[in-house]
Structure formats: structure tokens, C-alpha cells
Amino acid sequence: MTNIFNEVRQLADVTSRLTVLEAAAAIFLSFILTLCIAYLYKKTHTGARYSQSFVQTIIIMGVTVSVVMIVIGNNVAVAFGLVGAFSIIRFRSAMSDPKDIAFIFFGMAAGISCGLGFYILAILFTVSLSVIIIVLYMFDFGRGGSDKKRLSITVPENLHDETAFDGVLSAHYKYYALRSVETTNLGTMIQLVYIVQNKDGVKDKQVIDELRKMNGNLKVSVNYLNTEIF
């Protein structure tokens, strides 16, 4: 019981270093900045998997971290205690997009700056990194130089010929390569998988229509390799 009272007294000493107004300002500013960060994430998100709860998590994490930094202050003992408390937390959903992790750290960094009282730094950091993210998004920086796709053609097992479609493929694609051959539908069908790259002006539907005339109107599909699918 004595230890508990000591901890409470210790926390009171830490929080007394800041006025209520300063603490409220840190929390409010961290909320505003992380709200802007979450809005930026929403507008620049390009993946197929969008989560409203993740957007809200950016805000919650930023504000929470700012409060944690206010409580810690310069008290090493309290810092180690909080580290021990947070060490038992386990994240049950893995983030598959590295940019999602970056936005979490973005919000946390803004919250830390606010919690430590570096308000101008927090604002400058948020604005600067937001501009960088917008520039990267507008110029589509980092995208692969070639728009290659995955073409799947299903043919009857008795009509299997790996060179049967070369004429159509060479006419519409500047690049194509057979990557796999596998059986489907209990061995009655063969699926040919190509990696292809369209010639200028070639439409996918045009190619699909021509291939379906040759494979008995069976399934032909095109998947876009540079699209994130989870």
C-alpha cells in the first residue's frame, strides 16, 4: 500500500510541473495534428484494403503518446514502469502495408513532440512531412517502370498447345512470357499463366475477346501486378 501511495505522489509531482493549461494545450494540439495526419492518410491511401479503425487509431495513438510523455517528464522510474506496462500489449492484426506503419510513427512523433512541449517543432514536422507525402503521392514516386500484368488462359486438356496463342500475344503485347502451366477442374482443363505488357493503345478486352475465340470461350483473366491486393 505504501508503494502505491508513493507512486501516486510521484505522478503528482511530475504532473505538477505542467499547468493544466499547458497539458490541455499539448493534448489539443496533438489531436489537431494527428487529425490532419489521419486525413492525409485517407486522401493518399492507394491500397485496396482501407480501414476506418486504422485511421482512428492514428489519432488515438498520437494523443495517447502525448499524455504518456506529459506523465513521464524527466522521471526515469516512471518511464521504466510505463515501458513494462506497454510491453504486455500485443497487436493482433499485422499491417501488411509498410506505409501504414510509417503513418503510425508519424502520429506518434507528433504526439511525443506535443507532450514534451515542443509545439512549434511538432507543427513544423507535421507540415514538412505532409508536404513530402503529398509530393510523393502526386508524382507517384517509386512506381515500377513497366506495367506488367498476369494473363491466365484456360484451355481444354485435349487442346493444350503452349504455342497456340503466340500469334495473338505477339500482335498485342510488347512483352510476354509463359510462367506456369497447371491443371484445373480435376485435370480436365489446363491453365496457362503469362506475364505480359501491352503495346501502346491495346485494350485488355480486345485481347480477351480474341483469346476466347481460340480457347472455346473458356475463362481468360488479366490481373494487374502493380495493384495491391490483400
C-alpha atoms as a PDB file:
ATOM      1  CA  MET A   1       0.000   0.000   0.000  1.00  0.00           C
ATOM      2  CA  THR A   2       2.873   2.357   0.813  1.00  0.00           C
ATOM      3  CA  ASN A   3       4.373   1.733  -2.598  1.00  0.00           C
ATOM      4  CA  ILE A   4       1.090   2.635  -4.264  1.00  0.00           C
ATOM      5  CA  PHE A   5       0.893   5.918  -2.368  1.00  0.00           C
ATOM      6  CA  ASN A   6       4.490   6.662  -3.296  1.00  0.00           C
ATOM      7  CA  GLU A   7       3.743   6.065  -6.960  1.00  0.00           C
ATOM      8  CA  VAL A   8       0.686   8.319  -6.812  1.00  0.00           C
ATOM      9  CA  ARG A   9       2.702  11.040  -5.069  1.00  0.00           C
ATOM     10  CA  GLN A  10       5.437  10.619  -7.658  1.00  0.00           C
ATOM     11  CA  LEU A  11       2.971  11.055 -10.509  1.00  0.00           C
ATOM     12  CA  ALA A  12       1.514  14.113  -8.804  1.00  0.00           C
ATOM     13  CA  ASP A  13       4.974  15.667  -8.596  1.00  0.00           C
ATOM     14  CA  VAL A  14       5.527  15.018 -12.290  1.00  0.00           C
ATOM     15  CA  THR A  15       2.217  16.441 -13.450  1.00  0.00           C
ATOM     16  CA  SER A  16       2.595  19.485 -11.210  1.00  0.00           C
ATOM     17  CA  ARG A  17       5.442  20.662 -13.423  1.00  0.00           C
ATOM     18  CA  LEU A  18       2.903  21.488 -16.066  1.00  0.00           C
ATOM     19  CA  THR A  19      -0.056  23.734 -15.586  1.00  0.00           C
ATOM     20  CA  VAL A  20      -3.473  22.465 -16.531  1.00  0.00           C
ATOM     21  CA  LEU A  21      -3.487  24.901 -19.441  1.00  0.00           C
ATOM     22  CA  GLU A  22      -0.176  23.588 -20.794  1.00  0.00           C
ATOM     23  CA  ALA A  23      -1.339  19.987 -20.533  1.00  0.00           C
ATOM     24  CA  ALA A  24      -4.614  20.819 -22.259  1.00  0.00           C
ATOM     25  CA  ALA A  25      -2.718  22.656 -24.996  1.00  0.00           C
ATOM     26  CA  ALA A  26      -0.467  19.637 -25.591  1.00  0.00           C
ATOM     27  CA  ILE A  27      -3.422  17.253 -25.799  1.00  0.00           C
ATOM     28  CA  PHE A  28      -5.448  19.577 -28.029  1.00  0.00           C
ATOM     29  CA  LEU A  29      -2.546  20.259 -30.399  1.00  0.00           C
ATOM     30  CA  SER A  30      -1.697  16.564 -30.663  1.00  0.00           C
ATOM     31  CA  PHE A  31      -5.345  15.883 -31.524  1.00  0.00           C
ATOM     32  CA  ILE A  32      -5.388  18.547 -34.250  1.00  0.00           C
ATOM     33  CA  LEU A  33      -2.093  17.401 -35.766  1.00  0.00           C
ATOM     34  CA  THR A  34      -2.972  13.705 -35.748  1.00  0.00           C
ATOM     35  CA  LEU A  35      -6.389  14.565 -37.189  1.00  0.00           C
ATOM     36  CA  CYS A  36      -4.588  16.226 -40.111  1.00  0.00           C
ATOM     37  CA  ILE A  37      -2.275  13.213 -40.421  1.00  0.00           C
ATOM     38  CA  ALA A  38      -5.240  10.824 -40.480  1.00  0.00           C
ATOM     39  CA  TYR A  39      -6.965  12.940 -43.140  1.00  0.00           C
ATOM     40  CA  LEU A  40      -3.774  12.913 -45.201  1.00  0.00           C
ATOM     41  CA  TYR A  41      -3.602   9.128 -44.926  1.00  0.00           C
ATOM     42  CA  LYS A  42      -7.218   8.852 -46.079  1.00  0.00           C
ATOM     43  CA  LYS A  43      -6.604  11.042 -49.135  1.00  0.00           C
ATOM     44  CA  THR A  44      -3.311   9.436 -50.183  1.00  0.00           C
ATOM     45  CA  HIS A  45      -4.238   5.811 -49.492  1.00  0.00           C
ATOM     46  CA  THR A  46      -3.846   3.760 -52.678  1.00  0.00           C
ATOM     47  CA  GLY A  47      -4.171   0.166 -51.486  1.00  0.00           C
ATOM     48  CA  ALA A  48      -7.269  -1.974 -51.820  1.00  0.00           C
ATOM     49  CA  ARG A  49      -7.513  -2.557 -48.077  1.00  0.00           C
ATOM     50  CA  TYR A  50      -8.805   0.570 -46.328  1.00  0.00           C
ATOM     51  CA  SER A  51      -9.700   0.529 -42.630  1.00  0.00           C
ATOM     52  CA  GLN A  52     -11.638   3.226 -40.803  1.00  0.00           C
ATOM     53  CA  SER A  53     -10.418   1.859 -37.478  1.00  0.00           C
ATOM     54  CA  PHE A  54      -6.798   2.335 -38.589  1.00  0.00           C
ATOM     55  CA  VAL A  55      -7.469   5.999 -39.417  1.00  0.00           C
ATOM     56  CA  GLN A  56      -8.942   6.482 -35.961  1.00  0.00           C
ATOM     57  CA  THR A  57      -6.014   4.604 -34.423  1.00  0.00           C
ATOM     58  CA  ILE A  58      -3.582   7.189 -35.801  1.00  0.00           C
ATOM     59  CA  ILE A  59      -5.400   9.893 -33.826  1.00  0.00           C
ATOM     60  CA  ILE A  60      -5.804   7.809 -30.680  1.00  0.00           C
ATOM     61  CA  MET A  61      -2.136   6.766 -30.654  1.00  0.00           C
ATOM     62  CA  GLY A  62      -0.906  10.323 -31.142  1.00  0.00           C
ATOM     63  CA  VAL A  63      -2.997  11.767 -28.312  1.00  0.00           C
ATOM     64  CA  THR A  64      -2.179   8.842 -26.014  1.00  0.00           C
ATOM     65  CA  VAL A  65       1.555   9.217 -26.588  1.00  0.00           C
ATOM     66  CA  SER A  66       1.371  12.945 -25.844  1.00  0.00           C
ATOM     67  CA  VAL A  67      -0.250  12.189 -22.469  1.00  0.00           C
ATOM     68  CA  VAL A  68       2.358   9.494 -21.776  1.00  0.00           C
ATOM     69  CA  MET A  69       5.153  11.992 -22.413  1.00  0.00           C
ATOM     70  CA  ILE A  70       3.498  14.513 -20.095  1.00  0.00           C
ATOM     71  CA  VAL A  71       3.319  11.898 -17.326  1.00  0.00           C
ATOM     72  CA  ILE A  72       6.890  10.698 -17.832  1.00  0.00           C
ATOM     73  CA  GLY A  73       8.574  14.083 -17.980  1.00  0.00           C
ATOM     74  CA  ASN A  74      12.134  13.566 -16.726  1.00  0.00           C
ATOM     75  CA  ASN A  75      11.227  10.787 -14.300  1.00  0.00           C
ATOM     76  CA  VAL A  76      13.228   7.699 -15.239  1.00  0.00           C
ATOM     77  CA  ALA A  77      11.405   5.429 -12.770  1.00  0.00           C
ATOM     78  CA  VAL A  78       8.013   6.259 -14.234  1.00  0.00           C
ATOM     79  CA  ALA A  79       9.403   5.788 -17.747  1.00  0.00           C
ATOM     80  CA  PHE A  80      10.582   2.261 -16.954  1.00  0.00           C
ATOM     81  CA  GLY A  81       7.240   1.492 -15.320  1.00  0.00           C
ATOM     82  CA  LEU A  82       5.336   2.546 -18.425  1.00  0.00           C
ATOM     83  CA  VAL A  83       7.678   0.545 -20.653  1.00  0.00           C
ATOM     84  CA  GLY A  84       6.887  -2.523 -18.572  1.00  0.00           C
ATOM     85  CA  ALA A  85       3.169  -1.835 -18.810  1.00  0.00           C
ATOM     86  CA  PHE A  86       3.217  -1.369 -22.584  1.00  0.00           C
ATOM     87  CA  SER A  87       5.381  -4.471 -23.068  1.00  0.00           C
ATOM     88  CA  ILE A  88       2.381  -6.692 -22.335  1.00  0.00           C
ATOM     89  CA  ILE A  89       0.413  -5.200 -25.233  1.00  0.00           C
ATOM     90  CA  ARG A  90       0.200  -7.384 -28.337  1.00  0.00           C
ATOM     91  CA  PHE A  91      -1.063  -6.216 -31.698  1.00  0.00           C
ATOM     92  CA  ARG A  92      -3.419  -8.849 -33.073  1.00  0.00           C
ATOM     93  CA  SER A  93      -3.644  -7.507 -36.640  1.00  0.00           C
ATOM     94  CA  ALA A  94      -0.491  -7.241 -38.724  1.00  0.00           C
ATOM     95  CA  MET A  95      -0.104  -4.244 -41.013  1.00  0.00           C
ATOM     96  CA  SER A  96       0.729  -5.504 -44.485  1.00  0.00           C
ATOM     97  CA  ASP A  97       1.437  -2.073 -45.993  1.00  0.00           C
ATOM     98  CA  PRO A  98       4.721  -0.506 -44.819  1.00  0.00           C
ATOM     99  CA  LYS A  99       3.212   2.949 -45.335  1.00  0.00           C
ATOM    100  CA  ASP A 100       0.630   2.192 -42.640  1.00  0.00           C
ATOM    101  CA  ILE A 101       3.459   1.661 -40.147  1.00  0.00           C
ATOM    102  CA  ALA A 102       5.048   4.936 -41.265  1.00  0.00           C
ATOM    103  CA  PHE A 103       1.810   6.830 -40.581  1.00  0.00           C
ATOM    104  CA  ILE A 104       1.588   5.304 -37.109  1.00  0.00           C
ATOM    105  CA  PHE A 105       5.112   6.564 -36.357  1.00  0.00           C
ATOM    106  CA  PHE A 106       4.187   9.910 -37.926  1.00  0.00           C
ATOM    107  CA  GLY A 107       1.295  10.330 -35.497  1.00  0.00           C
ATOM    108  CA  MET A 108       3.362   9.126 -32.544  1.00  0.00           C
ATOM    109  CA  ALA A 109       6.205  11.543 -33.339  1.00  0.00           C
ATOM    110  CA  ALA A 110       3.762  14.447 -33.449  1.00  0.00           C
ATOM    111  CA  GLY A 111       2.272  13.309 -30.129  1.00  0.00           C
ATOM    112  CA  ILE A 112       5.692  12.982 -28.499  1.00  0.00           C
ATOM    113  CA  SER A 113       6.671  16.497 -29.600  1.00  0.00           C
ATOM    114  CA  CYS A 114       3.452  17.929 -28.172  1.00  0.00           C
ATOM    115  CA  GLY A 115       3.823  16.001 -24.915  1.00  0.00           C
ATOM    116  CA  LEU A 116       7.340  17.342 -24.415  1.00  0.00           C
ATOM    117  CA  GLY A 117       6.197  20.901 -25.058  1.00  0.00           C
ATOM    118  CA  PHE A 118       7.874  21.360 -28.448  1.00  0.00           C
ATOM    119  CA  TYR A 119       4.760  22.805 -30.064  1.00  0.00           C
ATOM    120  CA  ILE A 120       6.485  24.713 -32.878  1.00  0.00           C
ATOM    121  CA  LEU A 121       8.612  21.678 -33.724  1.00  0.00           C
ATOM    122  CA  ALA A 122       5.501  19.479 -33.799  1.00  0.00           C
ATOM    123  CA  ILE A 123       3.756  21.835 -36.216  1.00  0.00           C
ATOM    124  CA  LEU A 124       6.805  22.245 -38.465  1.00  0.00           C
ATOM    125  CA  PHE A 125       7.415  18.488 -38.501  1.00  0.00           C
ATOM    126  CA  THR A 126       3.795  17.698 -39.371  1.00  0.00           C
ATOM    127  CA  VAL A 127       3.627  20.296 -42.138  1.00  0.00           C
ATOM    128  CA  SER A 128       7.008  19.347 -43.628  1.00  0.00           C
ATOM    129  CA  LEU A 129       6.393  15.610 -43.711  1.00  0.00           C
ATOM    130  CA  SER A 130       2.854  16.145 -45.017  1.00  0.00           C
ATOM    131  CA  VAL A 131       4.229  18.156 -47.935  1.00  0.00           C
ATOM    132  CA  ILE A 132       6.747  15.397 -48.669  1.00  0.00           C
ATOM    133  CA  ILE A 133       3.999  12.749 -48.628  1.00  0.00           C
ATOM    134  CA  ILE A 134       1.789  14.835 -50.941  1.00  0.00           C
ATOM    135  CA  VAL A 135       4.658  15.333 -53.408  1.00  0.00           C
ATOM    136  CA  LEU A 136       5.432  11.596 -53.425  1.00  0.00           C
ATOM    137  CA  TYR A 137       1.739  10.851 -53.965  1.00  0.00           C
ATOM    138  CA  MET A 138       1.252  13.399 -56.763  1.00  0.00           C
ATOM    139  CA  PHE A 139       4.279  12.208 -58.742  1.00  0.00           C
ATOM    140  CA  ASP A 140       3.561   8.528 -57.996  1.00  0.00           C
ATOM    141  CA  PHE A 141       7.172   8.210 -56.869  1.00  0.00           C
ATOM    142  CA  GLY A 142       8.613   4.704 -56.650  1.00  0.00           C
ATOM    143  CA  ARG A 143       6.245   3.044 -59.070  1.00  0.00           C
ATOM    144  CA  GLY A 144       7.766   0.389 -61.318  1.00  0.00           C
ATOM    145  CA  GLY A 145       8.797   1.442 -64.780  1.00  0.00           C
ATOM    146  CA  SER A 146       6.745  -1.236 -66.572  1.00  0.00           C
ATOM    147  CA  ASP A 147       3.042  -2.036 -66.302  1.00  0.00           C
ATOM    148  CA  LYS A 148       3.228  -5.806 -66.495  1.00  0.00           C
ATOM    149  CA  LYS A 149       0.174  -7.956 -65.959  1.00  0.00           C
ATOM    150  CA  ARG A 150      -0.686 -11.562 -65.266  1.00  0.00           C
ATOM    151  CA  LEU A 151      -2.672 -13.212 -68.072  1.00  0.00           C
ATOM    152  CA  SER A 152      -4.411 -16.536 -67.378  1.00  0.00           C
ATOM    153  CA  ILE A 153      -5.876 -18.629 -70.202  1.00  0.00           C
ATOM    154  CA  THR A 154      -7.915 -21.778 -69.598  1.00  0.00           C
ATOM    155  CA  VAL A 155      -7.965 -24.390 -72.378  1.00  0.00           C
ATOM    156  CA  PRO A 156      -9.372 -27.930 -72.645  1.00  0.00           C
ATOM    157  CA  GLU A 157      -6.859 -30.623 -71.740  1.00  0.00           C
ATOM    158  CA  ASN A 158      -7.051 -32.224 -75.184  1.00  0.00           C
ATOM    159  CA  LEU A 159      -6.369 -28.902 -76.945  1.00  0.00           C
ATOM    160  CA  HIS A 160      -3.322 -27.970 -74.887  1.00  0.00           C
ATOM    161  CA  ASP A 161      -0.657 -26.299 -77.014  1.00  0.00           C
ATOM    162  CA  GLU A 162       1.684 -23.790 -75.389  1.00  0.00           C
ATOM    163  CA  THR A 163       2.379 -22.057 -78.714  1.00  0.00           C
ATOM    164  CA  ALA A 164      -1.237 -21.837 -79.893  1.00  0.00           C
ATOM    165  CA  PHE A 165      -1.692 -18.259 -78.669  1.00  0.00           C
ATOM    166  CA  ASP A 166       1.691 -16.864 -79.718  1.00  0.00           C
ATOM    167  CA  GLY A 167       0.221 -15.122 -82.767  1.00  0.00           C
ATOM    168  CA  VAL A 168      -2.338 -13.155 -80.758  1.00  0.00           C
ATOM    169  CA  LEU A 169       0.079 -12.426 -77.928  1.00  0.00           C
ATOM    170  CA  SER A 170       2.853 -11.145 -80.193  1.00  0.00           C
ATOM    171  CA  ALA A 171       0.358  -8.919 -82.020  1.00  0.00           C
ATOM    172  CA  HIS A 172      -0.892  -7.174 -78.871  1.00  0.00           C
ATOM    173  CA  TYR A 173       1.948  -7.378 -76.348  1.00  0.00           C
ATOM    174  CA  LYS A 174       5.406  -5.871 -76.500  1.00  0.00           C
ATOM    175  CA  TYR A 175       6.465  -8.500 -73.975  1.00  0.00           C
ATOM    176  CA  TYR A 176       5.018 -11.862 -72.970  1.00  0.00           C
ATOM    177  CA  ALA A 177       6.441 -14.915 -71.237  1.00  0.00           C
ATOM    178  CA  LEU A 178       4.841 -18.188 -70.173  1.00  0.00           C
ATOM    179  CA  ARG A 179       5.366 -18.576 -66.420  1.00  0.00           C
ATOM    180  CA  SER A 180       3.354 -21.624 -65.416  1.00  0.00           C
ATOM    181  CA  VAL A 181       1.185 -24.455 -66.717  1.00  0.00           C
ATOM    182  CA  GLU A 182      -1.183 -26.255 -64.354  1.00  0.00           C
ATOM    183  CA  THR A 183      -4.272 -28.433 -64.425  1.00  0.00           C
ATOM    184  CA  THR A 184      -7.637 -27.300 -63.095  1.00  0.00           C
ATOM    185  CA  ASN A 185     -11.151 -28.696 -62.777  1.00  0.00           C
ATOM    186  CA  LEU A 186      -9.963 -32.195 -61.780  1.00  0.00           C
ATOM    187  CA  GLY A 187      -7.484 -32.358 -64.628  1.00  0.00           C
ATOM    188  CA  THR A 188      -9.958 -31.662 -67.423  1.00  0.00           C
ATOM    189  CA  MET A 189      -8.619 -28.152 -68.043  1.00  0.00           C
ATOM    190  CA  ILE A 190      -5.176 -26.591 -68.431  1.00  0.00           C
ATOM    191  CA  GLN A 191      -4.385 -23.099 -67.187  1.00  0.00           C
ATOM    192  CA  LEU A 192      -1.608 -21.153 -68.913  1.00  0.00           C
ATOM    193  CA  VAL A 193      -0.222 -18.188 -66.979  1.00  0.00           C
ATOM    194  CA  TYR A 194       1.724 -15.456 -68.801  1.00  0.00           C
ATOM    195  CA  ILE A 195       3.411 -12.249 -67.708  1.00  0.00           C
ATOM    196  CA  VAL A 196       2.542  -9.656 -70.350  1.00  0.00           C
ATOM    197  CA  GLN A 197       2.973  -5.979 -71.163  1.00  0.00           C
ATOM    198  CA  ASN A 198       0.569  -4.215 -73.526  1.00  0.00           C
ATOM    199  CA  LYS A 199       1.608  -2.404 -76.643  1.00  0.00           C
ATOM    200  CA  ASP A 200       0.507   1.230 -76.805  1.00  0.00           C
ATOM    201  CA  GLY A 201      -3.219   1.585 -77.431  1.00  0.00           C
ATOM    202  CA  VAL A 202      -4.058  -2.082 -76.830  1.00  0.00           C
ATOM    203  CA  LYS A 203      -7.127  -2.688 -74.656  1.00  0.00           C
ATOM    204  CA  ASP A 204      -7.388  -5.740 -72.419  1.00  0.00           C
ATOM    205  CA  LYS A 205     -10.944  -6.523 -73.534  1.00  0.00           C
ATOM    206  CA  GLN A 206      -9.830  -6.651 -77.150  1.00  0.00           C
ATOM    207  CA  VAL A 207      -7.193  -9.270 -76.350  1.00  0.00           C
ATOM    208  CA  ILE A 208      -9.550 -11.267 -74.129  1.00  0.00           C
ATOM    209  CA  ASP A 209     -12.201 -11.418 -76.867  1.00  0.00           C
ATOM    210  CA  GLU A 210      -9.690 -12.765 -79.382  1.00  0.00           C
ATOM    211  CA  LEU A 211      -8.322 -15.360 -76.968  1.00  0.00           C
ATOM    212  CA  ARG A 212     -11.806 -16.595 -76.059  1.00  0.00           C
ATOM    213  CA  LYS A 213     -12.463 -17.315 -79.734  1.00  0.00           C
ATOM    214  CA  MET A 214      -9.451 -19.638 -79.667  1.00  0.00           C
ATOM    215  CA  ASN A 215      -9.935 -21.417 -76.322  1.00  0.00           C
ATOM    216  CA  GLY A 216     -13.566 -22.427 -76.736  1.00  0.00           C
ATOM    217  CA  ASN A 217     -14.977 -19.410 -74.870  1.00  0.00           C
ATOM    218  CA  LEU A 218     -13.424 -20.577 -71.589  1.00  0.00           C
ATOM    219  CA  LYS A 219     -12.107 -18.323 -68.843  1.00  0.00           C
ATOM    220  CA  VAL A 220      -9.491 -15.675 -69.681  1.00  0.00           C
ATOM    221  CA  SER A 221      -8.429 -13.200 -66.976  1.00  0.00           C
ATOM    222  CA  VAL A 222      -5.985 -10.310 -66.570  1.00  0.00           C
ATOM    223  CA  ASN A 223      -4.592  -9.317 -63.164  1.00  0.00           C
ATOM    224  CA  TYR A 224      -2.677  -6.105 -62.577  1.00  0.00           C
ATOM    225  CA  LEU A 225       0.599  -6.828 -60.802  1.00  0.00           C
ATOM    226  CA  ASN A 226       1.151  -3.248 -59.616  1.00  0.00           C
ATOM    227  CA  THR A 227      -2.187  -3.158 -57.754  1.00  0.00           C
ATOM    228  CA  GLU A 228      -2.118  -4.045 -54.073  1.00  0.00           C
ATOM    229  CA  ILE A 229      -4.493  -6.904 -53.338  1.00  0.00           C
ATOM    230  CA  PHE A 230      -4.791  -8.374 -49.857  1.00  0.00           C
END
